[in-house]
Protein backbone atom coordinates (compact mmCIF):
# COMPACT_ATOMS: atom_id res chain seq x y z
CA MET A 1 0.00 0.00 0.00
CA THR A 2 1.37 3.46 -0.87
CA GLN A 3 1.81 6.00 1.87
CA LYS A 4 -0.39 9.11 1.79
CA PRO A 5 1.50 12.34 1.17
CA GLN A 6 1.80 14.46 4.28
CA VAL A 7 0.68 18.09 4.03
CA ILE A 8 1.86 20.37 6.83
CA ILE A 9 0.17 23.74 7.31
CA THR A 10 2.21 26.15 9.46
CA THR A 11 0.54 29.31 10.75
CA ALA A 12 1.00 31.80 13.58
CA HIS A 13 -2.36 30.87 15.12
CA LYS A 14 -4.57 27.81 15.04
CA LEU A 15 -6.82 27.86 11.98
CA THR A 16 -10.53 28.27 12.55
CA ASP A 17 -12.73 25.44 11.27
CA SER A 18 -13.77 27.64 8.35
CA GLN A 19 -10.16 28.46 7.45
CA LYS A 20 -9.15 24.81 7.75
CA LYS A 21 -11.98 23.72 5.43
CA SER A 22 -10.94 26.35 2.91
CA VAL A 23 -7.27 25.27 3.02
CA ILE A 24 -8.21 21.58 2.74
CA LYS A 25 -10.40 22.36 -0.29
CA GLU A 26 -7.50 24.14 -2.03
CA VAL A 27 -4.99 21.42 -1.14
CA LYS A 28 -7.35 18.73 -2.51
CA GLN A 29 -7.38 20.56 -5.85
CA LYS A 30 -3.59 20.46 -5.94
CA VAL A 31 -2.66 17.03 -4.53
CA GLY A 32 -5.90 15.06 -4.64
CA THR A 33 -7.88 13.62 -1.77
CA GLY A 34 -5.39 11.13 -0.36
CA PHE A 35 -3.23 13.11 2.04
CA GLU A 36 -2.60 13.48 5.74
CA LEU A 37 -2.98 17.00 7.10
CA GLN A 38 -0.90 18.23 10.00
CA GLU A 39 -1.37 21.69 11.44
CA VAL A 40 1.60 23.38 13.12
CA VAL A 41 1.35 26.63 15.08
CA ASN A 42 4.50 28.74 15.00
CA PRO A 43 4.18 32.29 16.43
CA GLN A 44 7.20 33.34 14.34
CA VAL A 45 5.13 33.04 11.14
CA VAL A 46 3.91 36.52 10.15
CA GLY A 47 0.90 37.09 7.92
CA GLY A 48 -0.02 33.97 6.01
CA LEU A 49 0.97 30.36 6.10
CA LYS A 50 3.47 27.83 4.90
CA ILE A 51 2.33 24.67 3.20
CA THR A 52 4.74 21.75 3.03
CA VAL A 53 3.94 18.83 0.74
CA GLY A 54 6.63 16.17 0.94
CA GLN A 55 9.93 17.96 0.30
CA LYS A 56 8.34 21.08 -1.27
CA GLU A 57 7.50 24.15 0.76
CA PHE A 58 5.16 26.90 -0.41
CA ASP A 59 5.77 29.99 1.68
CA VAL A 60 2.92 32.47 1.39
CA THR A 61 3.80 34.39 4.54
CA VAL A 62 4.69 38.06 4.49
CA ALA A 63 8.35 37.13 5.04
CA GLY A 64 8.17 34.57 2.22
CA LYS A 65 6.67 37.11 -0.18
CA LEU A 66 9.24 39.77 0.78
CA ALA A 67 12.08 37.31 0.23
CA LYS A 68 10.85 36.73 -3.32
CA LEU A 69 10.58 40.42 -4.15
CA LYS A 70 13.40 41.72 -6.23
CA SER A 71 15.21 44.53 -4.52
CA GLN A 72 14.32 47.99 -5.74
CA LEU A 73 17.83 49.22 -4.98
CA PRO A 74 20.16 49.85 -7.91
CA THR A 75 22.79 47.19 -8.47
CA ALA A 76 26.45 48.11 -8.50
CA THR A 77 28.76 45.65 -10.24
CA ALA A 78 32.51 45.53 -9.73
CA THR A 79 34.40 43.57 -12.40
CA SER A 80 38.03 42.61 -11.84
CA ALA A 81 40.51 39.93 -12.86
CA ILE A 82 40.69 38.43 -9.37
CA LYS A 83 38.36 38.21 -6.40
CA LEU A 84 38.39 41.37 -4.32
CA SER A 85 39.46 41.19 -0.69
CA LEU A 86 36.85 41.82 1.98
CA ASP A 87 38.47 45.19 2.73
CA GLN A 88 38.42 46.17 -0.98
CA ARG A 89 34.74 45.20 -1.28
CA LYS A 90 33.85 47.25 1.81
CA LYS A 91 35.74 50.33 0.58
CA ILE A 92 34.28 50.15 -2.94
CA LYS A 93 30.73 49.61 -1.66
CA LYS A 94 31.09 52.49 0.81
CA ALA A 95 32.34 54.85 -1.90
CA LEU A 96 29.56 53.83 -4.29
CA GLU A 97 26.91 54.27 -1.59
CA GLU A 98 28.26 57.73 -0.77
CA ALA A 99 27.85 58.66 -4.45
CA HIS A 100 24.63 56.78 -5.30
CA GLY A 101 22.89 55.96 -2.00
CA PRO A 102 22.03 52.41 -0.87
CA ILE A 103 22.88 49.73 -3.45
CA ASN A 104 23.03 46.00 -4.00
CA PHE A 105 26.68 45.14 -4.56
CA GLU A 106 27.77 42.37 -6.92
CA GLU A 107 31.25 41.22 -7.80
CA VAL A 108 32.23 39.64 -11.11
CA VAL A 109 35.58 37.97 -11.71
CA ASP A 110 36.55 38.19 -15.39
CA GLU A 111 39.93 36.71 -16.29
CA ASN A 112 39.95 38.83 -19.48
CA VAL A 113 40.45 41.93 -17.34
CA VAL A 114 44.22 42.33 -17.27
CA GLY A 115 44.26 44.62 -14.27
CA GLY A 116 42.29 47.36 -12.58
CA ILE A 117 38.57 47.39 -11.99
CA LYS A 118 35.39 48.32 -13.81
CA LEU A 119 32.45 49.66 -11.78
CA ARG A 120 28.88 50.00 -13.04
CA VAL A 121 25.87 51.43 -11.23
CA GLY A 122 22.81 51.54 -13.46
CA SER A 123 23.93 53.25 -16.67
CA ALA A 124 26.92 54.97 -15.00
CA GLU A 125 30.25 53.27 -15.57
CA TYR A 126 33.78 53.88 -14.35
CA ASP A 127 36.32 51.83 -16.24
CA GLY A 128 39.66 51.81 -14.46
CA THR A 129 40.98 48.72 -16.21
CA ILE A 130 44.47 48.72 -17.70
CA LYS A 131 43.03 47.94 -21.16
CA THR A 132 40.90 51.09 -21.12
CA LYS A 133 43.79 53.22 -19.88
CA LEU A 134 46.04 51.86 -22.65
CA ASN A 135 43.30 52.55 -25.24
CA LYS A 136 43.07 56.16 -24.03
CA ILE A 137 46.85 56.58 -24.27
CA GLN A 138 46.79 55.07 -27.77
CA ALA A 139 44.03 57.48 -28.88
CA LEU A 140 45.96 60.42 -27.43
CA LEU A 141 49.13 59.39 -29.27
CA LYS A 142 47.22 59.01 -32.55
CA GLN A 143 45.90 62.57 -32.18
CA GLN A 144 49.42 63.92 -31.75
CA PHE A 145 50.92 62.09 -34.72
């Protein structure tokens, strides 16, 4: 005989009979009628509930929804040939936040960057890579000759 899937409903407060019936109705539409329902009360759950079916968890709590929201902060990307040290990351992020306000900071390691660093925040870019500096010198020399 196959074992019934276990459905665990986690909420901050015990569900009323009406709420429980409503949840059971929705779960039946998703997993069928053969399941075991377990209700767990966890006061740490804020606004909503978590539904666990087997190994899958569906988090429809306020915290779960907020975690899925994409940040509205601009993203700053630092591209360099090697991984930045923790101190370098902190200094770069601090300088970018002083210029642009709060940001999400991402680091990209690109072995094609010979040296230096390229920073991008939105459409603004500062390219301090050696390649760009050499290209500028080359353009300057071409103008003079």
